Amino acid sequence: MQVVHPICCGIDGHPAQLTACLRRVSDDGQMSTAWRDFGTTSDQLFALRAWLDAQACPLVVLESTGVYGKPIYHV
C-alpha cells in the first residue's frame, strides 16, 4: 500500500487536556509514533503548534466534541 501522508498528527481534544499522536513513515517503510499531552491554555496550544512545526508535520486531524475544538483550530 502506498503511503499518502508520511507525517501526520491526530489530536484528541477534551476540556482540560489534548493528546497528540504524531506518526512518521520513513522512506524504507519504518513507522514511528510519538505521543504528547498538552493543556488547553493559550501557552499550551502555542507549545503544541511549536512541536508540530518542529516535527515538520503538514497534516493535523482533530477529534473533539462540542466547542472544545474551536480554540485548537484557531491556534
Protein backbone atom coordinates (compact mmCIF):
# COMPACT_ATOMS: atom_id res chain seq x y z
CA MET A 1 0.00 0.00 0.00
CA GLN A 2 1.33 3.44 -0.90
CA VAL A 3 1.82 5.90 1.97
CA VAL A 4 -0.19 9.03 1.23
CA HIS A 5 0.90 11.19 4.19
CA PRO A 6 4.30 10.18 5.60
CA ILE A 7 3.98 12.63 8.52
CA CYS A 8 0.66 13.36 10.20
CA CYS A 9 -0.83 14.04 13.62
CA GLY A 10 -4.12 13.17 15.27
CA ILE A 11 -5.34 15.21 18.24
CA ASP A 12 -7.97 14.12 20.74
CA GLY A 13 -9.40 17.25 22.35
CA HIS A 14 -11.01 17.47 25.79
CA PRO A 15 -11.90 20.45 28.01
CA ALA A 16 -8.64 20.37 30.03
CA GLN A 17 -6.22 18.21 28.00
CA LEU A 18 -5.18 17.41 24.46
CA THR A 19 -3.45 14.22 23.42
CA ALA A 20 -1.46 14.42 20.20
CA CYS A 21 -0.17 11.38 18.31
CA LEU A 22 2.43 12.06 15.63
CA ARG A 23 3.09 9.28 13.13
CA ARG A 24 6.03 9.27 10.75
CA VAL A 25 6.80 6.74 7.99
CA SER A 26 10.36 6.78 6.66
CA ASP A 27 11.36 6.11 3.06
CA ASP A 28 12.17 2.48 3.90
CA GLY A 29 8.70 1.92 5.41
CA GLN A 30 9.67 2.07 9.10
CA MET A 31 6.95 3.68 11.19
CA SER A 32 7.48 5.67 14.38
CA THR A 33 4.89 7.14 16.72
CA ALA A 34 5.24 9.90 19.33
CA TRP A 35 2.59 10.80 21.92
CA ARG A 36 2.44 14.14 23.75
CA ASP A 37 -0.10 15.62 26.14
CA PHE A 38 -0.83 19.34 26.23
CA GLY A 39 -3.12 21.54 28.28
CA THR A 40 -5.77 23.79 26.79
CA THR A 41 -4.39 27.18 27.85
CA SER A 42 -3.05 29.53 25.20
CA ASP A 43 0.55 28.82 26.20
CA GLN A 44 -0.01 25.08 25.85
CA LEU A 45 -1.74 25.48 22.48
CA PHE A 46 1.22 27.51 21.23
CA ALA A 47 3.55 24.79 22.57
CA LEU A 48 1.55 22.21 20.60
CA ARG A 49 1.87 24.32 17.47
CA ALA A 50 5.63 24.74 18.02
CA TRP A 51 6.04 20.96 18.49
CA LEU A 52 4.17 20.25 15.26
CA ASP A 53 6.24 22.86 13.41
CA ALA A 54 9.47 21.37 14.78
CA GLN A 55 8.36 17.93 13.54
CA ALA A 56 7.56 19.35 10.08
CA CYS A 57 4.03 17.98 10.35
CA PRO A 58 1.91 19.24 7.43
CA LEU A 59 -1.35 17.47 8.32
CA VAL A 60 -3.29 17.52 11.60
CA VAL A 61 -6.64 15.90 12.29
CA LEU A 62 -8.71 16.92 15.33
CA GLU A 63 -11.34 14.86 17.10
CA SER A 64 -13.33 16.93 19.55
CA THR A 65 -16.96 17.26 20.50
CA GLY A 66 -18.87 20.45 21.15
CA VAL A 67 -16.95 23.72 21.26
CA TYR A 68 -13.71 22.25 22.67
CA GLY A 69 -12.05 22.17 19.25
CA LYS A 70 -12.56 25.84 18.40
CA PRO A 71 -9.51 27.26 20.29
CA ILE A 72 -7.32 24.45 18.94
CA TYR A 73 -8.43 25.16 15.38
CA HIS A 74 -7.73 28.88 15.69
CA VAL A 75 -4.19 28.38 17.04
